[in-house]
């Protein structure tokens, strides 16, 4: 799952993920759309911008974490200590991310 409200960044991330062999659900610019998509499918991994059009992504992240989805926060506003406290198993990446860094935070083989 990809949640990113900046269209160019979302498209770039989507292409990077697809080039690494992942099927991308999204991108979603807001939590409402992302939550609606969860009615049809549950991702293995979620790449989440912290600030979406309808607010901070944390309610969606909580929902995904409760379902066992691996979280990767990707933002220009990554609050490392806060994210590490709330989501100790999550990865954090600052924007802009390069493909090599993205590859290091993803599982070696897409699910």
PDB file of N, CA and C in Angstrom:
ATOM      1  N   UNK A   1       0.849  -1.171   0.000  1.00  0.00           N
ATOM      2  CA  UNK A   1       0.000   0.000   0.000  1.00  0.00           C
ATOM      3  C   UNK A   1       0.891   1.230   0.000  1.00  0.00           C
ATOM      4  N   UNK A   2       0.535   2.193  -0.802  1.00  0.00           N
ATOM      5  CA  UNK A   2       1.273   3.443  -0.890  1.00  0.00           C
ATOM      6  C   UNK A   2       0.329   4.595  -0.587  1.00  0.00           C
ATOM      7  N   UNK A   3       0.670   5.386   0.439  1.00  0.00           N
ATOM      8  CA  UNK A   3      -0.105   6.569   0.806  1.00  0.00           C
ATOM      9  C   UNK A   3       0.813   7.779   0.719  1.00  0.00           C
ATOM     10  N   UNK A   4       0.525   8.646  -0.229  1.00  0.00           N
ATOM     11  CA  UNK A   4       1.351   9.834  -0.492  1.00  0.00           C
ATOM     12  C   UNK A   4       0.473  10.866  -1.169  1.00  0.00           C
ATOM     13  N   UNK A   5       0.453  12.105  -0.633  1.00  0.00           N
ATOM     14  CA  UNK A   5      -0.439  13.118  -1.179  1.00  0.00           C
ATOM     15  C   UNK A   5       0.202  14.014  -2.235  1.00  0.00           C
ATOM     16  N   UNK A   6       1.483  13.893  -2.463  1.00  0.00           N
ATOM     17  CA  UNK A   6       2.138  14.658  -3.522  1.00  0.00           C
ATOM     18  C   UNK A   6       2.213  13.768  -4.766  1.00  0.00           C
ATOM     19  N   UNK A   7       1.519  14.169  -5.820  1.00  0.00           N
ATOM     20  CA  UNK A   7       1.338  13.311  -6.998  1.00  0.00           C
ATOM     21  C   UNK A   7       2.651  12.853  -7.627  1.00  0.00           C
ATOM     22  N   UNK A   8       3.598  13.752  -7.792  1.00  0.00           N
ATOM     23  CA  UNK A   8       4.868  13.382  -8.435  1.00  0.00           C
ATOM     24  C   UNK A   8       5.647  12.416  -7.552  1.00  0.00           C
ATOM     25  N   UNK A   9       5.668  12.677  -6.257  1.00  0.00           N
ATOM     26  CA  UNK A   9       6.362  11.788  -5.315  1.00  0.00           C
ATOM     27  C   UNK A   9       5.687  10.421  -5.314  1.00  0.00           C
ATOM     28  N   UNK A  10       4.357  10.417  -5.313  1.00  0.00           N
ATOM     29  CA  UNK A  10       3.606   9.157  -5.318  1.00  0.00           C
ATOM     30  C   UNK A  10       3.922   8.339  -6.568  1.00  0.00           C
ATOM     31  N   UNK A  11       3.935   9.000  -7.707  1.00  0.00           N
ATOM     32  CA  UNK A  11       4.220   8.304  -8.959  1.00  0.00           C
ATOM     33  C   UNK A  11       5.648   7.745  -8.953  1.00  0.00           C
ATOM     34  N   UNK A  12       6.596   8.533  -8.481  1.00  0.00           N
ATOM     35  CA  UNK A  12       7.986   8.094  -8.414  1.00  0.00           C
ATOM     36  C   UNK A  12       8.130   6.879  -7.495  1.00  0.00           C
ATOM     37  N   UNK A  13       7.512   6.943  -6.322  1.00  0.00           N
ATOM     38  CA  UNK A  13       7.559   5.814  -5.388  1.00  0.00           C
ATOM     39  C   UNK A  13       6.890   4.579  -5.976  1.00  0.00           C
ATOM     40  N   UNK A  14       5.762   4.775  -6.622  1.00  0.00           N
ATOM     41  CA  UNK A  14       5.063   3.646  -7.234  1.00  0.00           C
ATOM     42  C   UNK A  14       5.958   2.956  -8.259  1.00  0.00           C
ATOM     43  N   UNK A  15       6.607   3.740  -9.107  1.00  0.00           N
ATOM     44  CA  UNK A  15       7.506   3.156 -10.110  1.00  0.00           C
ATOM     45  C   UNK A  15       8.671   2.429  -9.451  1.00  0.00           C
ATOM     46  N   UNK A  16       9.240   3.012  -8.388  1.00  0.00           N
ATOM     47  CA  UNK A  16      10.345   2.354  -7.684  1.00  0.00           C
ATOM     48  C   UNK A  16       9.905   1.013  -7.116  1.00  0.00           C
ATOM     49  N   UNK A  17       8.739   0.999  -6.468  1.00  0.00           N
ATOM     50  CA  UNK A  17       8.234  -0.237  -5.866  1.00  0.00           C
ATOM     51  C   UNK A  17       7.953  -1.290  -6.935  1.00  0.00           C
ATOM     52  N   UNK A  18       7.337  -0.867  -8.025  1.00  0.00           N
ATOM     53  CA  UNK A  18       7.052  -1.810  -9.108  1.00  0.00           C
ATOM     54  C   UNK A  18       8.341  -2.344  -9.731  1.00  0.00           C
ATOM     55  N   UNK A  19       9.343  -1.481  -9.881  1.00  0.00           N
ATOM     56  CA  UNK A  19      10.633  -1.927 -10.420  1.00  0.00           C
ATOM     57  C   UNK A  19      11.297  -2.957  -9.510  1.00  0.00           C
ATOM     58  N   UNK A  20      10.988  -2.898  -8.207  1.00  0.00           N
ATOM     59  CA  UNK A  20      11.534  -3.861  -7.249  1.00  0.00           C
ATOM     60  C   UNK A  20      10.681  -5.126  -7.154  1.00  0.00           C
ATOM     61  N   UNK A  21       9.601  -5.185  -7.954  1.00  0.00           N
ATOM     62  CA  UNK A  21       8.789  -6.391  -8.009  1.00  0.00           C
ATOM     63  C   UNK A  21       7.540  -6.385  -7.154  1.00  0.00           C
ATOM     64  N   UNK A  22       7.185  -5.238  -6.596  1.00  0.00           N
ATOM     65  CA  UNK A  22       6.005  -5.156  -5.735  1.00  0.00           C
ATOM     66  C   UNK A  22       4.767  -4.762  -6.532  1.00  0.00           C
ATOM     67  N   UNK A  23       3.623  -5.323  -6.161  1.00  0.00           N
ATOM     68  CA  UNK A  23       2.331  -4.869  -6.664  1.00  0.00           C
ATOM     69  C   UNK A  23       1.884  -3.757  -5.734  1.00  0.00           C
ATOM     70  N   UNK A  24       1.540  -2.613  -6.282  1.00  0.00           N
ATOM     71  CA  UNK A  24       1.218  -1.442  -5.473  1.00  0.00           C
ATOM     72  C   UNK A  24      -0.285  -1.246  -5.394  1.00  0.00           C
ATOM     73  N   UNK A  25      -0.782  -1.131  -4.179  1.00  0.00           N
ATOM     74  CA  UNK A  25      -2.169  -0.738  -3.924  1.00  0.00           C
ATOM     75  C   UNK A  25      -2.111   0.765  -3.679  1.00  0.00           C
ATOM     76  N   UNK A  26      -2.760   1.539  -4.523  1.00  0.00           N
ATOM     77  CA  UNK A  26      -2.685   2.984  -4.404  1.00  0.00           C
ATOM     78  C   UNK A  26      -1.972   3.554  -5.616  1.00  0.00           C
ATOM     79  N   UNK A  27      -1.466   4.728  -5.504  1.00  0.00           N
ATOM     80  CA  UNK A  27      -1.290   5.525  -4.297  1.00  0.00           C
ATOM     81  C   UNK A  27      -2.580   6.222  -3.851  1.00  0.00           C
ATOM     82  N   UNK A  28      -2.635   6.461  -2.549  1.00  0.00           N
ATOM     83  CA  UNK A  28      -3.763   7.149  -1.937  1.00  0.00           C
ATOM     84  C   UNK A  28      -3.273   8.463  -1.343  1.00  0.00           C
ATOM     85  N   UNK A  29      -4.007   9.538  -1.604  1.00  0.00           N
ATOM     86  CA  UNK A  29      -3.629  10.856  -1.104  1.00  0.00           C
ATOM     87  C   UNK A  29      -4.252  11.162   0.250  1.00  0.00           C
ATOM     88  N   UNK A  30      -5.201  10.322   0.682  1.00  0.00           N
ATOM     89  CA  UNK A  30      -5.862  10.549   1.968  1.00  0.00           C
ATOM     90  C   UNK A  30      -6.194   9.216   2.632  1.00  0.00           C
ATOM     91  N   UNK A  31      -6.419   9.294   3.942  1.00  0.00           N
ATOM     92  CA  UNK A  31      -6.717   8.075   4.704  1.00  0.00           C
ATOM     93  C   UNK A  31      -8.062   7.481   4.334  1.00  0.00           C
ATOM     94  N   UNK A  32      -9.028   8.325   4.020  1.00  0.00           N
ATOM     95  CA  UNK A  32     -10.361   7.825   3.687  1.00  0.00           C
ATOM     96  C   UNK A  32     -10.294   6.840   2.516  1.00  0.00           C
ATOM     97  N   UNK A  33      -9.584   7.202   1.460  1.00  0.00           N
ATOM     98  CA  UNK A  33      -9.450   6.319   0.294  1.00  0.00           C
ATOM     99  C   UNK A  33      -8.688   5.052   0.647  1.00  0.00           C
ATOM    100  N   UNK A  34      -7.619   5.208   1.422  1.00  0.00           N
ATOM    101  CA  UNK A  34      -6.806   4.048   1.806  1.00  0.00           C
ATOM    102  C   UNK A  34      -7.619   3.077   2.653  1.00  0.00           C
ATOM    103  N   UNK A  35      -8.371   3.607   3.616  1.00  0.00           N
ATOM    104  CA  UNK A  35      -9.196   2.743   4.467  1.00  0.00           C
ATOM    105  C   UNK A  35     -10.253   2.016   3.639  1.00  0.00           C
ATOM    106  N   UNK A  36     -10.840   2.707   2.667  1.00  0.00           N
ATOM    107  CA  UNK A  36     -11.845   2.072   1.807  1.00  0.00           C
ATOM    108  C   UNK A  36     -11.226   0.916   1.026  1.00  0.00           C
ATOM    109  N   UNK A  37      -9.988   1.077   0.575  1.00  0.00           N
ATOM    110  CA  UNK A  37      -9.315   0.011  -0.178  1.00  0.00           C
ATOM    111  C   UNK A  37      -9.080  -1.217   0.688  1.00  0.00           C
ATOM    112  N   UNK A  38      -8.958  -1.023   1.986  1.00  0.00           N
ATOM    113  CA  UNK A  38      -8.717  -2.147   2.893  1.00  0.00           C
ATOM    114  C   UNK A  38      -9.924  -3.071   3.001  1.00  0.00           C
ATOM    115  N   UNK A  39     -11.083  -2.623   2.529  1.00  0.00           N
ATOM    116  CA  UNK A  39     -12.258  -3.498   2.501  1.00  0.00           C
ATOM    117  C   UNK A  39     -12.084  -4.614   1.479  1.00  0.00           C
ATOM    118  N   UNK A  40     -11.237  -4.372   0.464  1.00  0.00           N
ATOM    119  CA  UNK A  40     -11.045  -5.339  -0.617  1.00  0.00           C
ATOM    120  C   UNK A  40      -9.763  -6.141  -0.504  1.00  0.00           C
ATOM    121  N   UNK A  41      -8.758  -5.591   0.138  1.00  0.00           N
ATOM    122  CA  UNK A  41      -7.456  -6.256   0.195  1.00  0.00           C
ATOM    123  C   UNK A  41      -6.667  -5.778   1.406  1.00  0.00           C
ATOM    124  N   UNK A  42      -5.743  -6.597   1.865  1.00  0.00           N
ATOM    125  CA  UNK A  42      -4.868  -6.213   2.971  1.00  0.00           C
ATOM    126  C   UNK A  42      -3.428  -6.331   2.481  1.00  0.00           C
ATOM    127  N   UNK A  43      -2.681  -5.233   2.528  1.00  0.00           N
ATOM    128  CA  UNK A  43      -1.303  -5.276   2.040  1.00  0.00           C
ATOM    129  C   UNK A  43      -0.372  -5.979   3.025  1.00  0.00           C
ATOM    130  N   UNK A  44       0.779  -6.380   2.531  1.00  0.00           N
ATOM    131  CA  UNK A  44       1.831  -6.923   3.391  1.00  0.00           C
ATOM    132  C   UNK A  44       2.701  -5.802   3.936  1.00  0.00           C
ATOM    133  N   UNK A  45       2.840  -4.741   3.142  1.00  0.00           N
ATOM    134  CA  UNK A  45       3.702  -3.609   3.469  1.00  0.00           C
ATOM    135  C   UNK A  45       2.942  -2.328   3.146  1.00  0.00           C
ATOM    136  N   UNK A  46       3.156  -1.287   3.962  1.00  0.00           N
ATOM    137  CA  UNK A  46       2.579   0.020   3.675  1.00  0.00           C
ATOM    138  C   UNK A  46       3.678   1.073   3.740  1.00  0.00           C
ATOM    139  N   UNK A  47       3.803   1.842   2.660  1.00  0.00           N
ATOM    140  CA  UNK A  47       4.709   2.984   2.624  1.00  0.00           C
ATOM    141  C   UNK A  47       3.827   4.206   2.831  1.00  0.00           C
ATOM    142  N   UNK A  48       4.048   4.906   3.953  1.00  0.00           N
ATOM    143  CA  UNK A  48       3.127   5.944   4.393  1.00  0.00           C
ATOM    144  C   UNK A  48       3.806   7.296   4.539  1.00  0.00           C
ATOM    145  N   UNK A  49       3.256   8.306   3.884  1.00  0.00           N
ATOM    146  CA  UNK A  49       3.633   9.685   4.164  1.00  0.00           C
ATOM    147  C   UNK A  49       2.969  10.038   5.492  1.00  0.00           C
ATOM    148  N   UNK A  50       3.632  10.799   6.336  1.00  0.00           N
ATOM    149  CA  UNK A  50       3.074  11.127   7.650  1.00  0.00           C
ATOM    150  C   UNK A  50       1.895  12.084   7.520  1.00  0.00           C
ATOM    151  N   UNK A  51       2.002  13.080   6.639  1.00  0.00           N
ATOM    152  CA  UNK A  51       0.943  14.079   6.481  1.00  0.00           C
ATOM    153  C   UNK A  51       0.212  13.852   5.166  1.00  0.00           C
ATOM    154  N   UNK A  52      -1.041  13.393   5.275  1.00  0.00           N
ATOM    155  CA  UNK A  52      -1.880  13.206   4.097  1.00  0.00           C
ATOM    156  C   UNK A  52      -2.897  14.336   4.012  1.00  0.00           C
ATOM    157  N   UNK A  53      -3.684  14.358   2.961  1.00  0.00           N
ATOM    158  CA  UNK A  53      -4.646  15.453   2.757  1.00  0.00           C
ATOM    159  C   UNK A  53      -5.647  15.595   3.892  1.00  0.00           C
ATOM    160  N   UNK A  54      -6.004  14.479   4.525  1.00  0.00           N
ATOM    161  CA  UNK A  54      -6.999  14.553   5.602  1.00  0.00           C
ATOM    162  C   UNK A  54      -6.378  14.357   6.985  1.00  0.00           C
ATOM    163  N   UNK A  55      -5.097  14.654   7.122  1.00  0.00           N
ATOM    164  CA  UNK A  55      -4.474  14.633   8.448  1.00  0.00           C
ATOM    165  C   UNK A  55      -3.300  13.680   8.553  1.00  0.00           C
ATOM    166  N   UNK A  56      -2.812  13.560   9.791  1.00  0.00           N
ATOM    167  CA  UNK A  56      -1.710  12.640  10.059  1.00  0.00           C
ATOM    168  C   UNK A  56      -2.157  11.201   9.811  1.00  0.00           C
ATOM    169  N   UNK A  57      -1.250  10.394   9.314  1.00  0.00           N
ATOM    170  CA  UNK A  57      -1.526   9.020   8.891  1.00  0.00           C
ATOM    171  C   UNK A  57      -1.635   8.048  10.072  1.00  0.00           C
ATOM    172  N   UNK A  58      -1.401   8.498  11.285  1.00  0.00           N
ATOM    173  CA  UNK A  58      -1.306   7.583  12.417  1.00  0.00           C
ATOM    174  C   UNK A  58      -2.541   6.716  12.668  1.00  0.00           C
ATOM    175  N   UNK A  59      -3.773   7.209  12.515  1.00  0.00           N
ATOM    176  CA  UNK A  59      -4.916   6.295  12.687  1.00  0.00           C
ATOM    177  C   UNK A  59      -4.893   5.131  11.685  1.00  0.00           C
ATOM    178  N   UNK A  60      -4.516   5.405  10.447  1.00  0.00           N
ATOM    179  CA  UNK A  60      -4.389   4.346   9.445  1.00  0.00           C
ATOM    180  C   UNK A  60      -3.229   3.425   9.803  1.00  0.00           C
ATOM    181  N   UNK A  61      -2.115   3.994  10.228  1.00  0.00           N
ATOM    182  CA  UNK A  61      -0.951   3.190  10.615  1.00  0.00           C
ATOM    183  C   UNK A  61      -1.300   2.263  11.773  1.00  0.00           C
ATOM    184  N   UNK A  62      -2.070   2.762  12.738  1.00  0.00           N
ATOM    185  CA  UNK A  62      -2.494   1.921  13.869  1.00  0.00           C
ATOM    186  C   UNK A  62      -3.318   0.737  13.374  1.00  0.00           C
ATOM    187  N   UNK A  63      -4.241   1.012  12.461  1.00  0.00           N
ATOM    188  CA  UNK A  63      -5.099  -0.037  11.907  1.00  0.00           C
ATOM    189  C   UNK A  63      -4.254  -1.085  11.172  1.00  0.00           C
ATOM    190  N   UNK A  64      -3.323  -0.621  10.360  1.00  0.00           N
ATOM    191  CA  UNK A  64      -2.466  -1.534   9.605  1.00  0.00           C
ATOM    192  C   UNK A  64      -1.561  -2.345  10.529  1.00  0.00           C
ATOM    193  N   UNK A  65      -0.997  -1.689  11.538  1.00  0.00           N
ATOM    194  CA  UNK A  65      -0.121  -2.383  12.480  1.00  0.00           C
ATOM    195  C   UNK A  65      -0.884  -3.489  13.205  1.00  0.00           C
ATOM    196  N   UNK A  66      -2.125  -3.199  13.599  1.00  0.00           N
ATOM    197  CA  UNK A  66      -2.952  -4.204  14.279  1.00  0.00           C
ATOM    198  C   UNK A  66      -3.211  -5.425  13.395  1.00  0.00           C
ATOM    199  N   UNK A  67      -3.150  -5.242  12.079  1.00  0.00           N
ATOM    200  CA  UNK A  67      -3.360  -6.345  11.127  1.00  0.00           C
ATOM    201  C   UNK A  67      -2.050  -7.021  10.730  1.00  0.00           C
ATOM    202  N   UNK A  68      -0.935  -6.579  11.316  1.00  0.00           N
ATOM    203  CA  UNK A  68       0.357  -7.199  11.030  1.00  0.00           C
ATOM    204  C   UNK A  68       1.046  -6.696   9.777  1.00  0.00           C
ATOM    205  N   UNK A  69       0.619  -5.544   9.269  1.00  0.00           N
ATOM    206  CA  UNK A  69       1.225  -4.969   8.071  1.00  0.00           C
ATOM    207  C   UNK A  69       2.536  -4.279   8.455  1.00  0.00           C
ATOM    208  N   UNK A  70       3.577  -4.532   7.686  1.00  0.00           N
ATOM    209  CA  UNK A  70       4.867  -3.886   7.919  1.00  0.00           C
ATOM    210  C   UNK A  70       4.769  -2.427   7.480  1.00  0.00           C
ATOM    211  N   UNK A  71       5.223  -1.507   8.336  1.00  0.00           N
ATOM    212  CA  UNK A  71       5.099  -0.076   8.076  1.00  0.00           C
ATOM    213  C   UNK A  71       6.440   0.548   7.718  1.00  0.00           C
ATOM    214  N   UNK A  72       6.404   1.401   6.702  1.00  0.00           N
ATOM    215  CA  UNK A  72       7.552   2.215   6.323  1.00  0.00           C
ATOM    216  C   UNK A  72       7.041   3.651   6.200  1.00  0.00           C
ATOM    217  N   UNK A  73       7.508   4.523   7.092  1.00  0.00           N
ATOM    218  CA  UNK A  73       7.109   5.925   7.043  1.00  0.00           C
ATOM    219  C   UNK A  73       8.076   6.667   6.135  1.00  0.00           C
ATOM    220  N   UNK A  74       7.503   7.399   5.182  1.00  0.00           N
ATOM    221  CA  UNK A  74       8.282   8.131   4.182  1.00  0.00           C
ATOM    222  C   UNK A  74       7.764   9.555   4.183  1.00  0.00           C
ATOM    223  N   UNK A  75       8.565  10.489   4.684  1.00  0.00           N
ATOM    224  CA  UNK A  75       8.054  11.839   4.818  1.00  0.00           C
ATOM    225  C   UNK A  75       9.183  12.841   4.947  1.00  0.00           C
ATOM    226  N   UNK A  76       8.888  14.071   4.619  1.00  0.00           N
ATOM    227  CA  UNK A  76       9.802  15.167   4.894  1.00  0.00           C
ATOM    228  C   UNK A  76       9.672  15.631   6.325  1.00  0.00           C
ATOM    229  N   UNK A  77       8.687  15.072   7.035  1.00  0.00           N
ATOM    230  CA  UNK A  77       8.404  15.472   8.412  1.00  0.00           C
ATOM    231  C   UNK A  77       8.485  14.286   9.354  1.00  0.00           C
ATOM    232  N   UNK A  78       9.391  13.369   9.084  1.00  0.00           N
ATOM    233  CA  UNK A  78       9.501  12.188   9.935  1.00  0.00           C
ATOM    234  C   UNK A  78       9.942  12.619  11.320  1.00  0.00           C
ATOM    235  N   UNK A  79       9.132  12.294  12.309  1.00  0.00           N
ATOM    236  CA  UNK A  79       9.471  12.531  13.709  1.00  0.00           C
ATOM    237  C   UNK A  79       9.974  11.208  14.257  1.00  0.00           C
ATOM    238  N   UNK A  80      11.253  10.957  14.070  1.00  0.00           N
ATOM    239  CA  UNK A  80      11.846   9.678  14.439  1.00  0.00           C
ATOM    240  C   UNK A  80      11.500   9.189  15.826  1.00  0.00           C
ATOM    241  N   UNK A  81      11.731  10.001  16.878  1.00  0.00           N
ATOM    242  CA  UNK A  81      11.431   9.521  18.232  1.00  0.00           C
ATOM    243  C   UNK A  81       9.956   9.158  18.430  1.00  0.00           C
ATOM    244  N   UNK A  82       9.056   9.971  17.903  1.00  0.00           N
ATOM    245  CA  UNK A  82       7.618   9.691  18.048  1.00  0.00           C
ATOM    246  C   UNK A  82       7.238   8.416  17.300  1.00  0.00           C
ATOM    247  N   UNK A  83       7.710   8.283  16.076  1.00  0.00           N
ATOM    248  CA  UNK A  83       7.399   7.083  15.295  1.00  0.00           C
ATOM    249  C   UNK A  83       8.023   5.856  15.936  1.00  0.00           C
ATOM    250  N   UNK A  84       9.269   5.970  16.381  1.00  0.00           N
ATOM    251  CA  UNK A  84       9.930   4.832  17.034  1.00  0.00           C
ATOM    252  C   UNK A  84       9.204   4.403  18.300  1.00  0.00           C
ATOM    253  N   UNK A  85       8.656   5.362  19.033  1.00  0.00           N
ATOM    254  CA  UNK A  85       7.910   5.033  20.251  1.00  0.00           C
ATOM    255  C   UNK A  85       6.599   4.324  19.907  1.00  0.00           C
ATOM    256  N   UNK A  86       5.869   4.873  18.945  1.00  0.00           N
ATOM    257  CA  UNK A  86       4.557   4.320  18.594  1.00  0.00           C
ATOM    258  C   UNK A  86       4.644   3.065  17.745  1.00  0.00           C
ATOM    259  N   UNK A  87       5.661   3.002  16.897  1.00  0.00           N
ATOM    260  CA  UNK A  87       5.793   1.899  15.933  1.00  0.00           C
ATOM    261  C   UNK A  87       7.237   1.385  15.954  1.00  0.00           C
ATOM    262  N   UNK A  88       7.610   0.666  17.001  1.00  0.00           N
ATOM    263  CA  UNK A  88       9.015   0.271  17.161  1.00  0.00           C
ATOM    264  C   UNK A  88       9.561  -0.615  16.044  1.00  0.00           C
ATOM    265  N   UNK A  89       8.706  -1.313  15.331  1.00  0.00           N
ATOM    266  CA  UNK A  89       9.172  -2.185  14.251  1.00  0.00           C
ATOM    267  C   UNK A  89       9.147  -1.514  12.878  1.00  0.00           C
ATOM    268  N   UNK A  90       8.705  -0.257  12.835  1.00  0.00           N
ATOM    269  CA  UNK A  90       8.586   0.450  11.557  1.00  0.00           C
ATOM    270  C   UNK A  90       9.931   1.016  11.112  1.00  0.00           C
ATOM    271  N   UNK A  91      10.042   1.195   9.811  1.00  0.00           N
ATOM    272  CA  UNK A  91      11.195   1.876   9.218  1.00  0.00           C
ATOM    273  C   UNK A  91      10.801   3.326   8.955  1.00  0.00           C
ATOM    274  N   UNK A  92      11.777   4.217   8.954  1.00  0.00           N
ATOM    275  CA  UNK A  92      11.529   5.616   8.613  1.00  0.00           C
ATOM    276  C   UNK A  92      12.521   6.052   7.543  1.00  0.00           C
ATOM    277  N   UNK A  93      12.012   6.814   6.577  1.00  0.00           N
ATOM    278  CA  UNK A  93      12.833   7.316   5.475  1.00  0.00           C
ATOM    279  C   UNK A  93      12.462   8.771   5.227  1.00  0.00           C
ATOM    280  N   UNK A  94      13.466   9.599   5.070  1.00  0.00           N
ATOM    281  CA  UNK A  94      13.227  11.000   4.742  1.00  0.00           C
ATOM    282  C   UNK A  94      13.040  11.159   3.234  1.00  0.00           C
ATOM    283  N   UNK A  95      12.179  12.108   2.868  1.00  0.00           N
ATOM    284  CA  UNK A  95      12.022  12.479   1.462  1.00  0.00           C
ATOM    285  C   UNK A  95      13.192  13.369   1.077  1.00  0.00           C
ATOM    286  N   UNK A  96      13.641  13.325  -0.117  1.00  0.00           N
ATOM    287  CA  UNK A  96      13.322  12.322  -1.132  1.00  0.00           C
ATOM    288  C   UNK A  96      14.142  11.059  -0.899  1.00  0.00           C
ATOM    289  N   UNK A  97      13.553   9.928  -1.164  1.00  0.00           N
ATOM    290  CA  UNK A  97      14.258   8.660  -0.974  1.00  0.00           C
ATOM    291  C   UNK A  97      14.829   8.198  -2.309  1.00  0.00           C
ATOM    292  N   UNK A  98      16.021   7.659  -2.243  1.00  0.00           N
ATOM    293  CA  UNK A  98      16.590   7.113  -3.471  1.00  0.00           C
ATOM    294  C   UNK A  98      16.290   5.614  -3.517  1.00  0.00           C
ATOM    295  N   UNK A  99      16.302   5.025  -4.702  1.00  0.00           N
ATOM    296  CA  UNK A  99      15.948   3.609  -4.838  1.00  0.00           C
ATOM    297  C   UNK A  99      16.798   2.676  -3.977  1.00  0.00           C
ATOM    298  N   UNK A 100      18.079   2.982  -3.809  1.00  0.00           N
ATOM    299  CA  UNK A 100      18.945   2.115  -3.000  1.00  0.00           C
ATOM    300  C   UNK A 100      18.487   2.102  -1.546  1.00  0.00           C
ATOM    301  N   UNK A 101      18.117   3.256  -1.008  1.00  0.00           N
ATOM    302  CA  UNK A 101      17.632   3.323   0.378  1.00  0.00           C
ATOM    303  C   UNK A 101      16.301   2.591   0.498  1.00  0.00           C
ATOM    304  N   UNK A 102      15.409   2.797  -0.450  1.00  0.00           N
ATOM    305  CA  UNK A 102      14.117   2.114  -0.406  1.00  0.00           C
ATOM    306  C   UNK A 102      14.323   0.607  -0.394  1.00  0.00           C
ATOM    307  N   UNK A 103      15.228   0.145  -1.213  1.00  0.00           N
ATOM    308  CA  UNK A 103      15.495  -1.295  -1.291  1.00  0.00           C
ATOM    309  C   UNK A 103      15.983  -1.846   0.046  1.00  0.00           C
ATOM    310  N   UNK A 104      16.736  -1.052   0.818  1.00  0.00           N
ATOM    311  CA  UNK A 104      17.260  -1.542   2.100  1.00  0.00           C
ATOM    312  C   UNK A 104      16.180  -1.692   3.162  1.00  0.00           C
ATOM    313  N   UNK A 105      15.075  -0.962   3.044  1.00  0.00           N
ATOM    314  CA  UNK A 105      14.024  -1.051   4.063  1.00  0.00           C
ATOM    315  C   UNK A 105      12.902  -2.013   3.680  1.00  0.00           C
ATOM    316  N   UNK A 106      12.958  -2.547   2.474  1.00  0.00           N
ATOM    317  CA  UNK A 106      11.940  -3.498   2.013  1.00  0.00           C
ATOM    318  C   UNK A 106      12.446  -4.926   2.156  1.00  0.00           C
ATOM    319  N   UNK A 107      11.530  -5.877   2.328  1.00  0.00           N
ATOM    320  CA  UNK A 107      11.952  -7.282   2.326  1.00  0.00           C
ATOM    321  C   UNK A 107      12.638  -7.624   1.003  1.00  0.00           C
ATOM    322  N   UNK A 108      13.556  -8.562   1.055  1.00  0.00           N
ATOM    323  CA  UNK A 108      14.322  -8.940  -0.133  1.00  0.00           C
ATOM    324  C   UNK A 108      13.439  -9.479  -1.252  1.00  0.00           C
ATOM    325  N   UNK A 109      12.373 -10.172  -0.896  1.00  0.00           N
ATOM    326  CA  UNK A 109      11.486 -10.760  -1.892  1.00  0.00           C
ATOM    327  C   UNK A 109      10.065 -10.280  -1.645  1.00  0.00           C
ATOM    328  N   UNK A 110       9.415  -9.678  -2.645  1.00  0.00           N
ATOM    329  CA  UNK A 110       8.022  -9.275  -2.464  1.00  0.00           C
ATOM    330  C   UNK A 110       7.148 -10.471  -2.115  1.00  0.00           C
ATOM    331  N   UNK A 111       6.166 -10.219  -1.257  1.00  0.00           N
ATOM    332  CA  UNK A 111       5.243 -11.291  -0.840  1.00  0.00           C
ATOM    333  C   UNK A 111       4.295 -11.641  -1.958  1.00  0.00           C
TER     334      UNK A 111
END
